[in-house]
Amino acid sequence: MRVVAPGPVRACPGLIGLLTASVVHLLRMDATTQITPTFLTQRELAELLRMPERTLEDWRLMQTGPPYIKLGRLVRYDVQDVLTWVHEHRHG
């Protein structure tokens, strides 16, 4: 899937481009606009964080990683929850 957005976002294909386009879209919204959550698969989150998928699986087993949602057998990560979790685990 390719996201087409104005400005430099067009040069960023893939997940990073999708997230950048989402941020650009959010900046242009007013207070009455309905926000739809964006969910990532385990693979997409592993790519975003640049880590093995197995690490995310281990974190889920140990209940130490970012919050996730189970939809039947499917695991999904809400982008906002992940970003909040990342900011909470910053050092320095």
N, C-alpha and C. Protein backbone atom coordinates (compact mmCIF):
# COMPACT_ATOMS: atom_id res chain seq x y z
N MET A 1 0.83 -1.18 0.00
CA MET A 1 0.00 0.00 0.00
C MET A 1 0.88 1.23 0.00
N ARG A 2 0.54 2.19 -0.83
CA ARG A 2 1.33 3.42 -0.92
C ARG A 2 0.44 4.60 -0.55
N VAL A 3 0.93 5.44 0.33
CA VAL A 3 0.20 6.61 0.78
C VAL A 3 0.66 7.82 -0.02
N VAL A 4 -0.29 8.54 -0.59
CA VAL A 4 0.05 9.74 -1.34
C VAL A 4 -0.42 10.93 -0.52
N ALA A 5 0.51 11.80 -0.18
CA ALA A 5 0.19 12.97 0.63
C ALA A 5 0.99 14.15 0.11
N PRO A 6 0.61 15.34 0.47
CA PRO A 6 1.32 16.52 -0.02
C PRO A 6 2.71 16.64 0.59
N GLY A 7 3.60 17.31 -0.13
CA GLY A 7 4.93 17.63 0.40
C GLY A 7 5.88 16.45 0.42
N PRO A 8 6.83 16.49 1.35
CA PRO A 8 7.90 15.50 1.39
C PRO A 8 7.45 14.10 1.77
N VAL A 9 6.20 13.93 2.20
CA VAL A 9 5.73 12.61 2.58
C VAL A 9 5.73 11.65 1.40
N ARG A 10 5.55 12.15 0.19
CA ARG A 10 5.52 11.30 -1.00
C ARG A 10 6.81 10.52 -1.19
N ALA A 11 7.91 11.04 -0.71
CA ALA A 11 9.20 10.38 -0.86
C ALA A 11 9.44 9.32 0.19
N CYS A 12 8.49 9.09 1.10
CA CYS A 12 8.65 8.14 2.20
C CYS A 12 7.65 7.00 2.07
N PRO A 13 7.92 5.99 1.25
CA PRO A 13 6.97 4.89 1.10
C PRO A 13 7.02 3.99 2.33
N GLY A 14 6.01 3.15 2.48
CA GLY A 14 6.02 2.17 3.56
C GLY A 14 5.43 2.70 4.85
N LEU A 15 5.75 2.01 5.93
CA LEU A 15 5.17 2.30 7.23
C LEU A 15 5.51 3.69 7.72
N ILE A 16 6.76 4.12 7.57
CA ILE A 16 7.16 5.44 8.03
C ILE A 16 6.38 6.51 7.27
N GLY A 17 6.21 6.33 5.99
CA GLY A 17 5.43 7.27 5.20
C GLY A 17 3.98 7.31 5.64
N LEU A 18 3.43 6.14 6.00
CA LEU A 18 2.05 6.06 6.48
C LEU A 18 1.91 6.83 7.78
N LEU A 19 2.86 6.63 8.71
CA LEU A 19 2.80 7.34 9.98
C LEU A 19 3.00 8.84 9.79
N THR A 20 3.90 9.23 8.90
CA THR A 20 4.13 10.64 8.62
C THR A 20 2.87 11.26 8.02
N ALA A 21 2.24 10.56 7.10
CA ALA A 21 1.01 11.07 6.50
C ALA A 21 -0.08 11.20 7.56
N SER A 22 -0.11 10.27 8.52
CA SER A 22 -1.10 10.34 9.60
C SER A 22 -0.87 11.57 10.46
N VAL A 23 0.38 11.86 10.76
CA VAL A 23 0.71 13.04 11.57
C VAL A 23 0.31 14.30 10.83
N VAL A 24 0.61 14.38 9.53
CA VAL A 24 0.24 15.55 8.73
C VAL A 24 -1.28 15.71 8.74
N HIS A 25 -1.99 14.60 8.60
CA HIS A 25 -3.45 14.64 8.60
C HIS A 25 -3.97 15.14 9.95
N LEU A 26 -3.40 14.63 11.06
CA LEU A 26 -3.84 15.03 12.40
C LEU A 26 -3.62 16.51 12.64
N LEU A 27 -2.53 17.07 12.12
CA LEU A 27 -2.24 18.48 12.31
C LEU A 27 -3.26 19.37 11.61
N ARG A 28 -3.89 18.86 10.57
CA ARG A 28 -4.85 19.66 9.80
C ARG A 28 -6.28 19.50 10.30
N MET A 29 -6.54 18.66 11.30
CA MET A 29 -7.89 18.41 11.78
C MET A 29 -8.30 19.46 12.79
N ASP A 30 -9.61 19.68 12.91
CA ASP A 30 -10.11 20.56 13.96
C ASP A 30 -10.68 19.69 15.09
N ALA A 31 -11.20 20.33 16.13
CA ALA A 31 -11.65 19.62 17.32
C ALA A 31 -12.88 18.75 17.07
N THR A 32 -13.62 18.98 16.00
CA THR A 32 -14.84 18.22 15.74
C THR A 32 -14.59 16.99 14.88
N THR A 33 -13.37 16.80 14.40
CA THR A 33 -13.06 15.68 13.52
C THR A 33 -12.94 14.39 14.32
N GLN A 34 -13.56 13.34 13.82
CA GLN A 34 -13.49 12.03 14.47
C GLN A 34 -12.14 11.39 14.16
N ILE A 35 -11.44 10.89 15.19
CA ILE A 35 -10.14 10.25 15.00
C ILE A 35 -10.34 8.74 15.01
N THR A 36 -9.82 8.08 13.98
CA THR A 36 -9.89 6.64 13.88
C THR A 36 -8.56 6.05 14.32
N PRO A 37 -8.56 5.12 15.29
CA PRO A 37 -7.30 4.53 15.74
C PRO A 37 -6.62 3.76 14.61
N THR A 38 -5.30 3.76 14.64
CA THR A 38 -4.52 3.01 13.67
C THR A 38 -3.88 1.84 14.40
N PHE A 39 -4.12 0.64 13.91
CA PHE A 39 -3.57 -0.56 14.53
C PHE A 39 -2.48 -1.16 13.66
N LEU A 40 -1.41 -1.62 14.29
CA LEU A 40 -0.30 -2.24 13.59
C LEU A 40 -0.26 -3.73 13.89
N THR A 41 0.19 -4.49 12.93
CA THR A 41 0.44 -5.91 13.17
C THR A 41 1.78 -6.04 13.89
N GLN A 42 2.06 -7.24 14.36
CA GLN A 42 3.34 -7.49 15.01
C GLN A 42 4.50 -7.19 14.06
N ARG A 43 4.37 -7.60 12.83
CA ARG A 43 5.43 -7.36 11.84
C ARG A 43 5.65 -5.88 11.61
N GLU A 44 4.56 -5.12 11.46
CA GLU A 44 4.67 -3.68 11.22
C GLU A 44 5.33 -2.97 12.40
N LEU A 45 4.95 -3.37 13.63
CA LEU A 45 5.56 -2.75 14.80
C LEU A 45 7.03 -3.13 14.91
N ALA A 46 7.36 -4.37 14.61
CA ALA A 46 8.77 -4.79 14.65
C ALA A 46 9.59 -3.97 13.65
N GLU A 47 9.05 -3.72 12.47
CA GLU A 47 9.74 -2.89 11.48
C GLU A 47 9.90 -1.46 11.98
N LEU A 48 8.84 -0.92 12.58
CA LEU A 48 8.88 0.44 13.08
C LEU A 48 9.93 0.60 14.19
N LEU A 49 9.99 -0.36 15.11
CA LEU A 49 10.94 -0.31 16.22
C LEU A 49 12.30 -0.88 15.85
N ARG A 50 12.39 -1.46 14.65
CA ARG A 50 13.64 -2.08 14.16
C ARG A 50 14.16 -3.13 15.13
N MET A 51 13.28 -4.10 15.40
CA MET A 51 13.64 -5.21 16.28
C MET A 51 12.96 -6.47 15.77
N PRO A 52 13.45 -7.63 16.22
CA PRO A 52 12.83 -8.88 15.78
C PRO A 52 11.40 -9.04 16.31
N GLU A 53 10.57 -9.69 15.53
CA GLU A 53 9.21 -9.97 15.96
C GLU A 53 9.21 -10.83 17.22
N ARG A 54 10.19 -11.70 17.33
CA ARG A 54 10.28 -12.60 18.49
C ARG A 54 10.41 -11.81 19.79
N THR A 55 11.06 -10.65 19.76
CA THR A 55 11.18 -9.81 20.95
C THR A 55 9.81 -9.35 21.41
N LEU A 56 8.95 -8.96 20.47
CA LEU A 56 7.59 -8.55 20.82
C LEU A 56 6.81 -9.71 21.43
N GLU A 57 7.01 -10.92 20.89
CA GLU A 57 6.34 -12.10 21.43
C GLU A 57 6.81 -12.36 22.87
N ASP A 58 8.11 -12.25 23.10
CA ASP A 58 8.66 -12.45 24.45
C ASP A 58 8.10 -11.40 25.41
N TRP A 59 8.03 -10.15 24.97
CA TRP A 59 7.50 -9.09 25.82
C TRP A 59 6.04 -9.36 26.20
N ARG A 60 5.26 -9.87 25.23
CA ARG A 60 3.86 -10.19 25.55
C ARG A 60 3.79 -11.29 26.60
N LEU A 61 4.63 -12.30 26.48
CA LEU A 61 4.63 -13.39 27.46
C LEU A 61 5.04 -12.90 28.85
N MET A 62 5.98 -11.98 28.90
CA MET A 62 6.47 -11.45 30.18
C MET A 62 5.67 -10.23 30.65
N GLN A 63 4.72 -9.78 29.83
CA GLN A 63 3.89 -8.61 30.11
C GLN A 63 4.72 -7.37 30.41
N THR A 64 5.76 -7.14 29.59
CA THR A 64 6.63 -5.99 29.79
C THR A 64 6.65 -5.03 28.61
N GLY A 65 6.12 -5.42 27.49
CA GLY A 65 6.20 -4.59 26.29
C GLY A 65 5.06 -3.61 26.15
N PRO A 66 4.91 -3.05 24.96
CA PRO A 66 3.83 -2.09 24.72
C PRO A 66 2.47 -2.78 24.82
N PRO A 67 1.43 -2.03 25.17
CA PRO A 67 0.08 -2.60 25.25
C PRO A 67 -0.35 -3.14 23.89
N TYR A 68 -1.10 -4.23 23.92
CA TYR A 68 -1.59 -4.83 22.69
C TYR A 68 -3.04 -5.22 22.85
N ILE A 69 -3.67 -5.52 21.73
CA ILE A 69 -5.08 -5.91 21.71
C ILE A 69 -5.16 -7.27 21.04
N LYS A 70 -5.92 -8.17 21.63
CA LYS A 70 -6.17 -9.48 21.01
C LYS A 70 -7.55 -9.45 20.39
N LEU A 71 -7.61 -9.72 19.11
CA LEU A 71 -8.86 -9.84 18.38
C LEU A 71 -8.93 -11.29 17.91
N GLY A 72 -9.51 -12.13 18.73
CA GLY A 72 -9.45 -13.56 18.45
C GLY A 72 -8.02 -14.02 18.62
N ARG A 73 -7.44 -14.56 17.56
CA ARG A 73 -6.04 -14.98 17.60
C ARG A 73 -5.10 -13.89 17.10
N LEU A 74 -5.64 -12.80 16.62
CA LEU A 74 -4.82 -11.73 16.05
C LEU A 74 -4.36 -10.76 17.13
N VAL A 75 -3.10 -10.36 17.05
CA VAL A 75 -2.53 -9.38 17.96
C VAL A 75 -2.36 -8.07 17.19
N ARG A 76 -2.85 -6.98 17.77
CA ARG A 76 -2.72 -5.67 17.15
C ARG A 76 -2.22 -4.68 18.19
N TYR A 77 -1.50 -3.67 17.70
CA TYR A 77 -0.96 -2.62 18.56
C TYR A 77 -1.52 -1.29 18.10
N ASP A 78 -2.12 -0.55 19.03
CA ASP A 78 -2.62 0.79 18.74
C ASP A 78 -1.40 1.73 18.70
N VAL A 79 -1.25 2.48 17.63
CA VAL A 79 -0.09 3.35 17.44
C VAL A 79 0.05 4.33 18.61
N GLN A 80 -1.05 4.92 19.06
CA GLN A 80 -0.98 5.88 20.16
C GLN A 80 -0.49 5.22 21.45
N ASP A 81 -0.96 4.00 21.73
CA ASP A 81 -0.50 3.27 22.91
C ASP A 81 0.99 2.98 22.83
N VAL A 82 1.45 2.59 21.65
CA VAL A 82 2.86 2.27 21.46
C VAL A 82 3.72 3.52 21.65
N LEU A 83 3.30 4.64 21.06
CA LEU A 83 4.07 5.88 21.19
C LEU A 83 4.13 6.34 22.65
N THR A 84 3.02 6.20 23.37
CA THR A 84 3.01 6.55 24.79
C THR A 84 3.96 5.64 25.56
N TRP A 85 3.93 4.34 25.28
CA TRP A 85 4.81 3.39 25.95
C TRP A 85 6.28 3.71 25.67
N VAL A 86 6.59 4.04 24.43
CA VAL A 86 7.97 4.37 24.05
C VAL A 86 8.43 5.60 24.83
N HIS A 87 7.61 6.63 24.91
CA HIS A 87 7.99 7.85 25.63
C HIS A 87 8.17 7.59 27.12
N GLU A 88 7.38 6.69 27.68
CA GLU A 88 7.50 6.36 29.10
C GLU A 88 8.80 5.59 29.40
N HIS A 89 9.37 4.96 28.39
CA HIS A 89 10.56 4.14 28.59
C HIS A 89 11.83 4.81 28.07
N ARG A 90 11.78 6.14 27.91
CA ARG A 90 12.96 6.88 27.48
C ARG A 90 13.94 7.01 28.65
N HIS A 91 15.18 7.06 28.35
CA HIS A 91 16.22 7.30 29.36
C HIS A 91 16.93 8.61 29.04
N GLY A 92 17.25 9.37 30.05
CA GLY A 92 18.02 10.60 29.86
C GLY A 92 17.22 11.82 29.59
